[in-house]
N, C-alpha and C. Protein backbone atom coordinates (compact mmCIF):
# COMPACT_ATOMS: atom_id res chain seq x y z
N MET A 1 -42.13 97.44 -109.54
CA MET A 1 -41.40 98.62 -109.07
C MET A 1 -39.96 98.28 -108.72
N ALA A 2 -39.08 99.26 -108.91
CA ALA A 2 -37.69 99.04 -108.55
C ALA A 2 -37.55 99.01 -107.03
N ALA A 3 -36.74 98.10 -106.54
CA ALA A 3 -36.49 98.05 -105.11
C ALA A 3 -35.76 99.30 -104.67
N ILE A 4 -35.96 99.67 -103.41
CA ILE A 4 -35.36 100.91 -102.91
C ILE A 4 -33.84 100.88 -103.09
N TYR A 5 -33.22 99.72 -102.78
CA TYR A 5 -31.76 99.68 -102.85
C TYR A 5 -31.26 99.75 -104.29
N ASP A 6 -32.14 99.53 -105.25
CA ASP A 6 -31.75 99.60 -106.66
C ASP A 6 -32.04 100.96 -107.28
N SER A 7 -32.65 101.85 -106.53
CA SER A 7 -33.14 103.10 -107.10
C SER A 7 -32.02 103.95 -107.69
N PRO A 8 -32.19 104.39 -108.93
CA PRO A 8 -31.20 105.30 -109.53
C PRO A 8 -31.30 106.71 -108.95
N TYR A 9 -32.33 106.93 -108.12
CA TYR A 9 -32.55 108.27 -107.57
C TYR A 9 -31.98 108.43 -106.17
N LYS A 10 -31.31 107.39 -105.65
CA LYS A 10 -30.69 107.52 -104.34
C LYS A 10 -29.65 108.64 -104.41
N GLY A 11 -29.64 109.46 -103.40
CA GLY A 11 -28.73 110.60 -103.38
C GLY A 11 -29.39 111.89 -103.84
N SER A 12 -30.54 111.77 -104.50
CA SER A 12 -31.22 112.97 -104.99
C SER A 12 -31.71 113.85 -103.85
N GLY A 13 -31.92 113.24 -102.68
CA GLY A 13 -32.34 114.03 -101.52
C GLY A 13 -31.31 115.08 -101.13
N GLN A 14 -30.05 114.86 -101.52
CA GLN A 14 -28.99 115.83 -101.24
C GLN A 14 -29.25 117.17 -101.93
N LEU A 15 -30.11 117.15 -102.94
CA LEU A 15 -30.40 118.38 -103.67
C LEU A 15 -31.00 119.45 -102.78
N THR A 16 -31.67 119.04 -101.71
CA THR A 16 -32.28 120.03 -100.81
C THR A 16 -31.20 120.85 -100.11
N ARG A 17 -29.99 120.29 -100.02
CA ARG A 17 -28.87 121.03 -99.42
C ARG A 17 -27.92 121.59 -100.48
N ALA A 18 -27.70 120.83 -101.54
CA ALA A 18 -26.64 121.18 -102.49
C ALA A 18 -27.01 122.37 -103.39
N GLN A 19 -28.26 122.42 -103.88
CA GLN A 19 -28.68 123.51 -104.74
C GLN A 19 -27.85 123.55 -106.04
N PHE A 20 -27.89 124.70 -106.74
CA PHE A 20 -27.19 124.84 -108.01
C PHE A 20 -25.71 125.13 -107.82
N LEU A 21 -25.38 125.93 -106.80
CA LEU A 21 -23.98 126.16 -106.40
C LEU A 21 -23.10 126.68 -107.53
N PHE A 22 -23.59 127.65 -108.28
CA PHE A 22 -22.79 128.13 -109.41
C PHE A 22 -21.47 128.76 -108.96
N TYR A 23 -21.54 129.69 -108.01
CA TYR A 23 -20.32 130.35 -107.54
C TYR A 23 -19.33 129.33 -106.99
N GLU A 24 -19.85 128.40 -106.17
CA GLU A 24 -18.98 127.41 -105.55
C GLU A 24 -18.36 126.46 -106.58
N THR A 25 -19.17 126.06 -107.56
CA THR A 25 -18.66 125.14 -108.58
C THR A 25 -17.61 125.84 -109.45
N ARG A 26 -17.87 127.08 -109.77
CA ARG A 26 -16.91 127.83 -110.60
C ARG A 26 -15.60 128.03 -109.84
N THR A 27 -15.70 128.36 -108.57
CA THR A 27 -14.50 128.52 -107.74
C THR A 27 -13.70 127.23 -107.69
N THR A 28 -14.41 126.10 -107.53
CA THR A 28 -13.75 124.80 -107.48
C THR A 28 -13.11 124.45 -108.82
N ALA A 29 -13.81 124.77 -109.90
CA ALA A 29 -13.27 124.50 -111.24
C ALA A 29 -11.96 125.27 -111.46
N LYS A 30 -11.89 126.50 -110.98
CA LYS A 30 -10.66 127.29 -111.14
C LYS A 30 -9.50 126.63 -110.40
N LEU A 31 -9.77 126.10 -109.22
CA LEU A 31 -8.72 125.41 -108.47
C LEU A 31 -8.29 124.13 -109.19
N MET A 32 -9.27 123.45 -109.78
CA MET A 32 -8.97 122.22 -110.52
C MET A 32 -8.06 122.51 -111.70
N THR A 33 -8.32 123.61 -112.39
CA THR A 33 -7.53 123.95 -113.56
C THR A 33 -6.12 124.42 -113.17
N GLU A 34 -5.93 124.73 -111.90
CA GLU A 34 -4.59 125.07 -111.42
C GLU A 34 -3.75 123.82 -111.17
N GLY A 35 -4.38 122.64 -111.29
CA GLY A 35 -3.65 121.40 -111.13
C GLY A 35 -3.69 120.81 -109.73
N LEU A 36 -4.51 121.39 -108.84
CA LEU A 36 -4.62 120.86 -107.49
C LEU A 36 -5.40 119.55 -107.50
N ASP A 37 -5.02 118.62 -106.61
CA ASP A 37 -5.80 117.39 -106.50
C ASP A 37 -6.99 117.65 -105.57
N ASP A 38 -7.86 116.65 -105.44
CA ASP A 38 -9.10 116.86 -104.69
C ASP A 38 -8.85 117.29 -103.25
N ALA A 39 -7.92 116.63 -102.59
CA ALA A 39 -7.63 116.96 -101.19
C ALA A 39 -7.09 118.38 -101.05
N GLN A 40 -6.23 118.77 -101.98
CA GLN A 40 -5.67 120.12 -101.95
C GLN A 40 -6.76 121.18 -102.19
N ILE A 41 -7.70 120.84 -103.06
CA ILE A 41 -8.81 121.77 -103.34
C ILE A 41 -9.64 121.98 -102.08
N VAL A 42 -9.98 120.89 -101.40
CA VAL A 42 -10.76 120.99 -100.17
C VAL A 42 -10.01 121.81 -99.13
N ASP A 43 -8.73 121.53 -98.96
CA ASP A 43 -7.91 122.28 -97.98
C ASP A 43 -7.88 123.77 -98.30
N ARG A 44 -7.74 124.10 -99.57
CA ARG A 44 -7.67 125.51 -99.98
C ARG A 44 -9.00 126.21 -99.73
N ILE A 45 -10.08 125.55 -100.07
CA ILE A 45 -11.41 126.15 -99.87
C ILE A 45 -11.66 126.40 -98.39
N ILE A 46 -11.24 125.46 -97.56
CA ILE A 46 -11.44 125.62 -96.11
C ILE A 46 -10.52 126.68 -95.54
N SER A 47 -9.23 126.61 -95.87
CA SER A 47 -8.25 127.52 -95.26
C SER A 47 -8.49 128.97 -95.64
N GLU A 48 -9.01 129.20 -96.85
CA GLU A 48 -9.25 130.57 -97.30
C GLU A 48 -10.73 130.94 -97.27
N ASN A 49 -11.55 130.01 -96.80
CA ASN A 49 -13.00 130.20 -96.74
C ASN A 49 -13.52 130.78 -98.07
N LEU A 50 -13.18 130.11 -99.14
CA LEU A 50 -13.48 130.64 -100.48
C LEU A 50 -14.97 130.70 -100.78
N PHE A 51 -15.78 129.91 -100.07
CA PHE A 51 -17.22 129.96 -100.30
C PHE A 51 -17.93 130.95 -99.37
N GLN A 52 -17.16 131.49 -98.43
CA GLN A 52 -17.73 132.42 -97.44
C GLN A 52 -18.86 131.77 -96.64
N TYR A 53 -18.61 130.53 -96.19
CA TYR A 53 -19.57 129.81 -95.36
C TYR A 53 -19.19 129.98 -93.89
N PRO A 54 -20.15 129.79 -92.99
CA PRO A 54 -19.89 130.06 -91.57
C PRO A 54 -19.10 128.97 -90.84
N THR A 55 -19.11 127.73 -91.34
CA THR A 55 -18.44 126.65 -90.62
C THR A 55 -17.53 125.84 -91.53
N GLU A 56 -16.51 125.24 -90.93
CA GLU A 56 -15.59 124.39 -91.70
C GLU A 56 -16.32 123.16 -92.24
N LYS A 57 -17.28 122.64 -91.46
CA LYS A 57 -18.03 121.46 -91.88
C LYS A 57 -18.81 121.73 -93.17
N SER A 58 -19.47 122.89 -93.22
CA SER A 58 -20.25 123.22 -94.42
C SER A 58 -19.34 123.46 -95.61
N LEU A 59 -18.18 124.06 -95.38
CA LEU A 59 -17.20 124.26 -96.45
C LEU A 59 -16.74 122.93 -97.02
N LYS A 60 -16.41 122.00 -96.13
CA LYS A 60 -15.91 120.70 -96.56
C LYS A 60 -16.97 119.92 -97.32
N THR A 61 -18.20 119.96 -96.81
CA THR A 61 -19.29 119.22 -97.46
C THR A 61 -19.54 119.74 -98.87
N MET A 62 -19.64 121.05 -99.03
CA MET A 62 -19.96 121.60 -100.34
C MET A 62 -18.76 121.55 -101.28
N ALA A 63 -17.55 121.62 -100.74
CA ALA A 63 -16.37 121.47 -101.58
C ALA A 63 -16.37 120.08 -102.21
N LYS A 64 -16.67 119.06 -101.42
CA LYS A 64 -16.71 117.69 -101.94
C LYS A 64 -17.85 117.51 -102.94
N THR A 65 -18.98 118.18 -102.69
CA THR A 65 -20.10 118.12 -103.63
C THR A 65 -19.70 118.71 -104.98
N CYS A 66 -19.04 119.86 -104.94
CA CYS A 66 -18.61 120.52 -106.19
C CYS A 66 -17.58 119.69 -106.93
N ILE A 67 -16.67 119.08 -106.19
CA ILE A 67 -15.65 118.24 -106.82
C ILE A 67 -16.31 117.05 -107.52
N ALA A 68 -17.25 116.41 -106.83
CA ALA A 68 -17.96 115.27 -107.42
C ALA A 68 -18.73 115.70 -108.67
N ARG A 69 -19.32 116.87 -108.61
CA ARG A 69 -20.10 117.39 -109.74
C ARG A 69 -19.20 117.61 -110.95
N LEU A 70 -18.05 118.19 -110.72
CA LEU A 70 -17.12 118.45 -111.82
C LEU A 70 -16.55 117.16 -112.40
N HIS A 71 -16.25 116.19 -111.53
CA HIS A 71 -15.77 114.90 -112.02
C HIS A 71 -16.84 114.19 -112.85
N ALA A 72 -18.11 114.44 -112.52
CA ALA A 72 -19.21 113.80 -113.26
C ALA A 72 -19.22 114.21 -114.73
N LEU A 73 -18.62 115.37 -115.04
CA LEU A 73 -18.56 115.83 -116.42
C LEU A 73 -17.68 114.93 -117.28
N GLN A 74 -16.64 114.35 -116.66
CA GLN A 74 -15.69 113.50 -117.39
C GLN A 74 -15.11 114.22 -118.60
N ASP A 75 -14.83 115.50 -118.41
CA ASP A 75 -14.34 116.30 -119.54
C ASP A 75 -13.58 117.51 -119.01
N ASP A 76 -12.26 117.50 -119.15
CA ASP A 76 -11.44 118.60 -118.65
C ASP A 76 -11.73 119.92 -119.36
N THR A 77 -12.09 119.82 -120.64
CA THR A 77 -12.38 121.05 -121.39
C THR A 77 -13.60 121.75 -120.81
N LEU A 78 -14.62 120.98 -120.43
CA LEU A 78 -15.81 121.59 -119.84
C LEU A 78 -15.50 122.20 -118.48
N ILE A 79 -14.65 121.55 -117.72
CA ILE A 79 -14.24 122.12 -116.43
C ILE A 79 -13.53 123.45 -116.65
N GLN A 80 -12.68 123.51 -117.66
CA GLN A 80 -12.00 124.75 -118.02
C GLN A 80 -13.01 125.81 -118.42
N CYS A 81 -14.03 125.42 -119.14
CA CYS A 81 -15.08 126.38 -119.55
C CYS A 81 -15.83 126.94 -118.36
N ILE A 82 -16.13 126.10 -117.38
CA ILE A 82 -16.80 126.60 -116.18
C ILE A 82 -15.92 127.64 -115.49
N ALA A 83 -14.63 127.39 -115.49
CA ALA A 83 -13.70 128.29 -114.80
C ALA A 83 -13.52 129.61 -115.53
N THR A 84 -13.57 129.60 -116.86
CA THR A 84 -13.13 130.78 -117.61
C THR A 84 -14.16 131.37 -118.57
N SER A 85 -15.21 130.64 -118.90
CA SER A 85 -16.17 131.15 -119.90
C SER A 85 -17.09 132.20 -119.31
N ASP A 86 -17.87 132.83 -120.18
CA ASP A 86 -18.88 133.78 -119.71
C ASP A 86 -19.87 133.07 -118.81
N SER A 87 -20.58 133.85 -118.02
CA SER A 87 -21.45 133.29 -116.99
C SER A 87 -22.53 132.37 -117.57
N ALA A 88 -23.15 132.77 -118.68
CA ALA A 88 -24.24 131.98 -119.26
C ALA A 88 -23.74 130.60 -119.70
N THR A 89 -22.58 130.57 -120.36
CA THR A 89 -22.00 129.30 -120.80
C THR A 89 -21.62 128.44 -119.62
N ALA A 90 -20.97 129.04 -118.64
CA ALA A 90 -20.54 128.29 -117.45
C ALA A 90 -21.73 127.72 -116.69
N LYS A 91 -22.79 128.50 -116.57
CA LYS A 91 -23.99 128.00 -115.87
C LYS A 91 -24.61 126.83 -116.62
N GLN A 92 -24.64 126.91 -117.93
CA GLN A 92 -25.23 125.83 -118.72
C GLN A 92 -24.44 124.53 -118.54
N ILE A 93 -23.13 124.65 -118.48
CA ILE A 93 -22.30 123.47 -118.27
C ILE A 93 -22.47 122.95 -116.84
N CYS A 94 -22.66 123.86 -115.89
CA CYS A 94 -22.94 123.43 -114.52
C CYS A 94 -24.26 122.66 -114.45
N LEU A 95 -25.23 123.08 -115.23
CA LEU A 95 -26.49 122.34 -115.30
C LEU A 95 -26.25 120.94 -115.84
N PHE A 96 -25.48 120.83 -116.90
CA PHE A 96 -25.15 119.51 -117.46
C PHE A 96 -24.43 118.66 -116.43
N ALA A 97 -23.54 119.28 -115.65
CA ALA A 97 -22.83 118.54 -114.59
C ALA A 97 -23.82 118.00 -113.57
N MET A 98 -24.82 118.80 -113.21
CA MET A 98 -25.84 118.32 -112.27
C MET A 98 -26.66 117.19 -112.87
N MET A 99 -26.90 117.27 -114.17
CA MET A 99 -27.62 116.17 -114.84
C MET A 99 -26.81 114.89 -114.77
N ARG A 100 -25.50 115.01 -114.93
CA ARG A 100 -24.64 113.81 -114.86
C ARG A 100 -24.55 113.30 -113.42
N GLN A 101 -24.65 114.20 -112.46
CA GLN A 101 -24.50 113.83 -111.05
C GLN A 101 -25.77 113.23 -110.47
N TYR A 102 -26.92 113.77 -110.88
CA TYR A 102 -28.20 113.34 -110.30
C TYR A 102 -29.13 112.82 -111.38
N ARG A 103 -29.52 111.55 -111.27
CA ARG A 103 -30.43 110.96 -112.25
C ARG A 103 -31.77 111.71 -112.30
N LEU A 104 -32.19 112.23 -111.16
CA LEU A 104 -33.48 112.94 -111.12
C LEU A 104 -33.45 114.16 -112.04
N ILE A 105 -32.36 114.93 -112.00
CA ILE A 105 -32.27 116.12 -112.85
C ILE A 105 -32.11 115.70 -114.31
N TRP A 106 -31.36 114.65 -114.55
CA TRP A 106 -31.22 114.10 -115.90
C TRP A 106 -32.60 113.79 -116.48
N ASP A 107 -33.40 113.04 -115.73
CA ASP A 107 -34.72 112.65 -116.21
C ASP A 107 -35.66 113.85 -116.37
N PHE A 108 -35.61 114.76 -115.41
CA PHE A 108 -36.48 115.94 -115.48
C PHE A 108 -36.18 116.78 -116.72
N MET A 109 -34.90 117.04 -116.94
CA MET A 109 -34.54 117.91 -118.06
C MET A 109 -34.85 117.26 -119.41
N ILE A 110 -34.73 115.95 -119.49
CA ILE A 110 -34.99 115.26 -120.76
C ILE A 110 -36.48 115.02 -120.97
N THR A 111 -37.15 114.45 -119.95
CA THR A 111 -38.54 114.02 -120.13
C THR A 111 -39.55 115.14 -119.98
N VAL A 112 -39.20 116.19 -119.26
CA VAL A 112 -40.13 117.32 -119.10
C VAL A 112 -39.72 118.48 -120.00
N ILE A 113 -38.53 119.03 -119.77
CA ILE A 113 -38.10 120.21 -120.54
C ILE A 113 -37.81 119.85 -121.99
N GLY A 114 -37.03 118.80 -122.20
CA GLY A 114 -36.70 118.39 -123.56
C GLY A 114 -37.93 118.04 -124.37
N GLU A 115 -38.87 117.36 -123.74
CA GLU A 115 -40.09 116.97 -124.44
C GLU A 115 -40.95 118.19 -124.79
N LYS A 116 -40.96 119.18 -123.92
CA LYS A 116 -41.70 120.41 -124.24
C LYS A 116 -41.10 121.11 -125.46
N TYR A 117 -39.79 121.18 -125.51
CA TYR A 117 -39.15 121.78 -126.70
C TYR A 117 -39.46 120.95 -127.94
N HIS A 118 -39.42 119.64 -127.78
CA HIS A 118 -39.70 118.76 -128.91
C HIS A 118 -41.13 118.97 -129.44
N GLN A 119 -42.06 119.16 -128.54
CA GLN A 119 -43.46 119.35 -128.92
C GLN A 119 -43.78 120.82 -129.24
N GLN A 120 -42.78 121.69 -129.11
CA GLN A 120 -42.99 123.12 -129.29
C GLN A 120 -44.06 123.65 -128.33
N ASP A 121 -44.04 123.09 -127.14
CA ASP A 121 -44.97 123.50 -126.07
C ASP A 121 -44.19 124.38 -125.10
N PHE A 122 -44.40 125.67 -125.18
CA PHE A 122 -43.62 126.61 -124.37
C PHE A 122 -44.34 127.04 -123.10
N SER A 123 -45.33 126.27 -122.70
CA SER A 123 -45.98 126.54 -121.42
C SER A 123 -45.19 125.84 -120.32
N PHE A 124 -45.13 126.46 -119.15
CA PHE A 124 -44.48 125.81 -118.02
C PHE A 124 -45.04 126.37 -116.72
N ARG A 125 -45.39 125.43 -115.82
CA ARG A 125 -45.87 125.81 -114.50
C ARG A 125 -45.31 124.84 -113.47
N ARG A 126 -45.37 125.24 -112.23
CA ARG A 126 -44.90 124.36 -111.14
C ARG A 126 -45.63 123.02 -111.19
N GLN A 127 -46.83 123.02 -111.71
CA GLN A 127 -47.60 121.79 -111.84
C GLN A 127 -46.87 120.74 -112.68
N ASP A 128 -46.07 121.20 -113.65
CA ASP A 128 -45.30 120.26 -114.47
C ASP A 128 -44.30 119.48 -113.61
N ILE A 129 -43.73 120.15 -112.61
CA ILE A 129 -42.80 119.49 -111.70
C ILE A 129 -43.56 118.51 -110.81
N ASN A 130 -44.74 118.92 -110.34
CA ASN A 130 -45.54 118.04 -109.48
C ASN A 130 -45.92 116.75 -110.21
N VAL A 131 -46.30 116.88 -111.47
CA VAL A 131 -46.66 115.70 -112.27
C VAL A 131 -45.43 114.81 -112.45
N PHE A 132 -44.28 115.40 -112.67
CA PHE A 132 -43.03 114.64 -112.81
C PHE A 132 -42.78 113.80 -111.56
N PHE A 133 -42.95 114.41 -110.38
CA PHE A 133 -42.74 113.67 -109.13
C PHE A 133 -43.77 112.55 -108.97
N LEU A 134 -45.01 112.81 -109.30
CA LEU A 134 -46.04 111.78 -109.20
C LEU A 134 -45.70 110.58 -110.08
N GLN A 135 -45.20 110.85 -111.28
CA GLN A 135 -44.83 109.76 -112.18
C GLN A 135 -43.64 108.97 -111.63
N LEU A 136 -42.66 109.68 -111.05
CA LEU A 136 -41.51 108.99 -110.46
C LEU A 136 -41.95 108.12 -109.28
N GLN A 137 -42.86 108.65 -108.47
CA GLN A 137 -43.31 107.91 -107.30
C GLN A 137 -44.06 106.64 -107.69
N GLU A 138 -44.71 106.67 -108.82
CA GLU A 138 -45.41 105.48 -109.31
C GLU A 138 -44.42 104.42 -109.80
N GLN A 139 -43.25 104.86 -110.21
CA GLN A 139 -42.27 103.96 -110.82
C GLN A 139 -41.20 103.47 -109.85
N ASP A 140 -40.97 104.22 -108.77
CA ASP A 140 -39.81 103.96 -107.93
C ASP A 140 -40.17 104.03 -106.44
N ASP A 141 -39.93 102.94 -105.71
CA ASP A 141 -40.27 102.88 -104.29
C ASP A 141 -39.50 103.90 -103.46
N TYR A 142 -38.25 104.13 -103.84
CA TYR A 142 -37.44 105.08 -103.07
C TYR A 142 -38.03 106.49 -103.15
N VAL A 143 -38.38 106.93 -104.33
CA VAL A 143 -38.98 108.26 -104.49
C VAL A 143 -40.36 108.29 -103.83
N ALA A 144 -41.07 107.17 -103.90
CA ALA A 144 -42.39 107.10 -103.26
C ALA A 144 -42.30 107.28 -101.75
N SER A 145 -41.13 106.99 -101.18
CA SER A 145 -40.95 107.12 -99.73
C SER A 145 -40.68 108.57 -99.29
N TRP A 146 -40.44 109.45 -100.24
CA TRP A 146 -40.15 110.84 -99.88
C TRP A 146 -41.39 111.52 -99.32
N SER A 147 -41.17 112.40 -98.38
CA SER A 147 -42.26 113.18 -97.82
C SER A 147 -42.67 114.27 -98.81
N GLU A 148 -43.84 114.81 -98.60
CA GLU A 148 -44.31 115.91 -99.44
C GLU A 148 -43.36 117.09 -99.34
N GLN A 149 -42.81 117.30 -98.14
CA GLN A 149 -41.88 118.41 -97.93
C GLN A 149 -40.60 118.23 -98.74
N THR A 150 -40.08 117.00 -98.80
CA THR A 150 -38.87 116.74 -99.59
C THR A 150 -39.13 117.03 -101.06
N CYS A 151 -40.27 116.57 -101.56
CA CYS A 151 -40.62 116.82 -102.96
C CYS A 151 -40.73 118.31 -103.24
N LYS A 152 -41.31 119.04 -102.30
CA LYS A 152 -41.44 120.49 -102.47
C LYS A 152 -40.08 121.17 -102.52
N LYS A 153 -39.17 120.73 -101.64
CA LYS A 153 -37.84 121.33 -101.59
C LYS A 153 -37.06 121.03 -102.87
N ILE A 154 -37.12 119.78 -103.32
CA ILE A 154 -36.41 119.44 -104.56
C ILE A 154 -37.06 120.15 -105.74
N GLY A 155 -38.39 120.27 -105.72
CA GLY A 155 -39.08 121.02 -106.76
C GLY A 155 -38.62 122.47 -106.81
N SER A 156 -38.38 123.05 -105.64
CA SER A 156 -37.89 124.44 -105.59
C SER A 156 -36.48 124.54 -106.16
N VAL A 157 -35.66 123.51 -105.93
CA VAL A 157 -34.31 123.48 -106.50
C VAL A 157 -34.41 123.45 -108.03
N LEU A 158 -35.31 122.62 -108.56
CA LEU A 158 -35.49 122.53 -110.01
C LEU A 158 -35.94 123.87 -110.58
N MET A 159 -36.84 124.55 -109.88
CA MET A 159 -37.29 125.87 -110.34
C MET A 159 -36.12 126.85 -110.38
N ARG A 160 -35.29 126.84 -109.34
CA ARG A 160 -34.16 127.78 -109.30
C ARG A 160 -33.14 127.47 -110.40
N ILE A 161 -32.95 126.19 -110.69
CA ILE A 161 -32.05 125.81 -111.78
C ILE A 161 -32.56 126.38 -113.10
N LEU A 162 -33.86 126.26 -113.33
CA LEU A 162 -34.45 126.78 -114.57
C LEU A 162 -34.33 128.30 -114.64
N ILE A 163 -34.52 128.96 -113.52
CA ILE A 163 -34.40 130.42 -113.49
C ILE A 163 -32.95 130.85 -113.72
N GLU A 164 -32.02 130.18 -113.04
CA GLU A 164 -30.58 130.50 -113.18
C GLU A 164 -30.12 130.39 -114.63
N ASN A 165 -30.68 129.42 -115.35
CA ASN A 165 -30.27 129.17 -116.73
C ASN A 165 -31.22 129.81 -117.75
N GLU A 166 -32.11 130.66 -117.26
CA GLU A 166 -33.01 131.47 -118.11
C GLU A 166 -33.98 130.63 -118.94
N TYR A 167 -34.30 129.43 -118.45
CA TYR A 167 -35.38 128.67 -119.08
C TYR A 167 -36.71 129.35 -118.80
N ILE A 168 -36.83 129.90 -117.60
CA ILE A 168 -38.01 130.69 -117.23
C ILE A 168 -37.52 131.98 -116.59
N ASP A 169 -38.39 132.99 -116.60
CA ASP A 169 -37.98 134.31 -116.11
C ASP A 169 -38.12 134.46 -114.60
N GLY A 170 -38.95 133.62 -113.99
CA GLY A 170 -39.14 133.71 -112.55
C GLY A 170 -40.05 132.60 -112.07
N SER A 171 -40.23 132.53 -110.76
CA SER A 171 -41.00 131.43 -110.18
C SER A 171 -42.47 131.46 -110.58
N ARG A 172 -42.96 132.61 -111.01
CA ARG A 172 -44.37 132.71 -111.41
C ARG A 172 -44.54 132.71 -112.93
N SER A 173 -43.44 132.53 -113.63
CA SER A 173 -43.51 132.54 -115.09
C SER A 173 -44.29 131.33 -115.60
N SER A 174 -45.01 131.51 -116.68
CA SER A 174 -45.75 130.40 -117.30
C SER A 174 -45.24 130.11 -118.71
N ILE A 175 -44.11 130.74 -119.07
CA ILE A 175 -43.55 130.59 -120.41
C ILE A 175 -42.15 129.99 -120.33
N LEU A 176 -41.90 129.00 -121.15
CA LEU A 176 -40.58 128.40 -121.27
C LEU A 176 -39.83 129.11 -122.38
N ASN A 177 -38.69 129.71 -122.04
CA ASN A 177 -37.91 130.45 -123.02
C ASN A 177 -37.12 129.51 -123.94
N PRO A 178 -36.92 129.89 -125.20
CA PRO A 178 -36.14 129.06 -126.14
C PRO A 178 -34.64 129.26 -125.94
N VAL A 179 -34.02 128.45 -125.08
CA VAL A 179 -32.60 128.59 -124.79
C VAL A 179 -31.75 128.16 -125.99
N LEU A 180 -30.49 128.61 -125.99
CA LEU A 180 -29.54 128.27 -127.04
C LEU A 180 -28.35 127.56 -126.41
N ILE A 181 -28.04 126.36 -126.86
CA ILE A 181 -26.94 125.60 -126.28
C ILE A 181 -25.60 126.21 -126.70
N SER A 182 -24.64 126.20 -125.77
CA SER A 182 -23.31 126.72 -126.10
C SER A 182 -22.59 125.71 -126.99
N ARG A 183 -21.72 126.21 -127.84
CA ARG A 183 -20.99 125.34 -128.77
C ARG A 183 -20.12 124.35 -128.02
N ALA A 184 -19.47 124.81 -126.97
CA ALA A 184 -18.57 123.93 -126.21
C ALA A 184 -19.34 122.76 -125.60
N LEU A 185 -20.51 123.05 -125.06
CA LEU A 185 -21.30 121.99 -124.44
C LEU A 185 -21.84 121.03 -125.49
N GLU A 186 -22.34 121.56 -126.59
CA GLU A 186 -22.87 120.70 -127.64
C GLU A 186 -21.79 119.76 -128.17
N GLU A 187 -20.60 120.28 -128.39
CA GLU A 187 -19.51 119.45 -128.90
C GLU A 187 -19.15 118.35 -127.91
N ALA A 188 -19.12 118.70 -126.62
CA ALA A 188 -18.78 117.71 -125.60
C ALA A 188 -19.84 116.62 -125.51
N ILE A 189 -21.10 117.02 -125.59
CA ILE A 189 -22.20 116.05 -125.53
C ILE A 189 -22.12 115.08 -126.70
N ARG A 190 -21.84 115.60 -127.88
CA ARG A 190 -21.74 114.73 -129.06
C ARG A 190 -20.51 113.83 -128.96
N ASP A 191 -19.41 114.38 -128.46
CA ASP A 191 -18.20 113.57 -128.30
C ASP A 191 -18.43 112.41 -127.34
N GLN A 192 -19.26 112.63 -126.33
CA GLN A 192 -19.54 111.61 -125.34
C GLN A 192 -20.70 110.70 -125.75
N LYS A 193 -21.22 110.91 -126.95
CA LYS A 193 -22.32 110.10 -127.48
C LYS A 193 -23.55 110.17 -126.57
N LEU A 194 -23.83 111.37 -126.07
CA LEU A 194 -24.97 111.58 -125.17
C LEU A 194 -26.02 112.47 -125.82
N GLU A 195 -26.21 112.28 -127.12
CA GLU A 195 -27.16 113.12 -127.86
C GLU A 195 -28.56 113.10 -127.28
N ILE A 196 -28.87 112.09 -126.47
CA ILE A 196 -30.19 112.00 -125.86
C ILE A 196 -30.52 113.22 -125.00
N VAL A 197 -29.47 113.92 -124.51
CA VAL A 197 -29.73 115.07 -123.64
C VAL A 197 -29.90 116.38 -124.42
N LEU A 198 -29.58 116.39 -125.70
CA LEU A 198 -29.62 117.64 -126.46
C LEU A 198 -30.98 118.34 -126.43
N PRO A 199 -32.11 117.62 -126.50
CA PRO A 199 -33.40 118.32 -126.44
C PRO A 199 -33.59 119.13 -125.15
N ALA A 200 -32.93 118.74 -124.07
CA ALA A 200 -33.01 119.50 -122.82
C ALA A 200 -32.43 120.89 -122.98
N PHE A 201 -31.61 121.06 -124.00
CA PHE A 201 -31.00 122.36 -124.30
C PHE A 201 -31.55 122.94 -125.59
N ASN A 202 -32.74 122.47 -125.97
CA ASN A 202 -33.42 122.98 -127.15
C ASN A 202 -32.60 122.79 -128.42
N CYS A 203 -31.92 121.64 -128.51
CA CYS A 203 -31.06 121.35 -129.66
C CYS A 203 -31.53 120.05 -130.31
N PHE A 204 -31.82 120.13 -131.60
CA PHE A 204 -32.37 118.96 -132.31
C PHE A 204 -31.64 118.67 -133.62
N ILE A 205 -30.57 119.37 -133.88
CA ILE A 205 -29.87 119.20 -135.16
C ILE A 205 -28.86 118.05 -135.07
């Protein structure tokens, strides 16, 4: 087993607080495209309460989370797309940003969702997420240390991500929808030589 300090999943616990954050990430992307640096973006979000949060601390924390997520894309064109594209395209790129930011989401989308598309298995239930966590816990001491409550919370985040991106219609859905990858995202993924993630977006060409 991997030692806890070596775990690629460290930081994934933040998902219980961070969530998908589409509105916040899009707002941050717009500020980034205006040419503001990270510190200026945080100051602007706080001073104008752009996220409509109740405290300055929560604004600062989530502003930094969104900035880190956007930097994880390593692609200015994709950041521009989040800021200006239609909602469906922007959300899909935000999902890719979360995959780059969190190894847990990367693995889930590739090994669970991507594999289902590959096998043409369009069934999906919360049990698929539970099995994913059990497999991670067998492989990684850090994930094995998580409480049942933490796993449930992160599982709920994964469900909401799938719903937001129309992979499933709702929390009780048992059908995985055949999503279509946006051209901008597919081109960026290929440019970055990350074709391994394409099945997560139902893309095999």
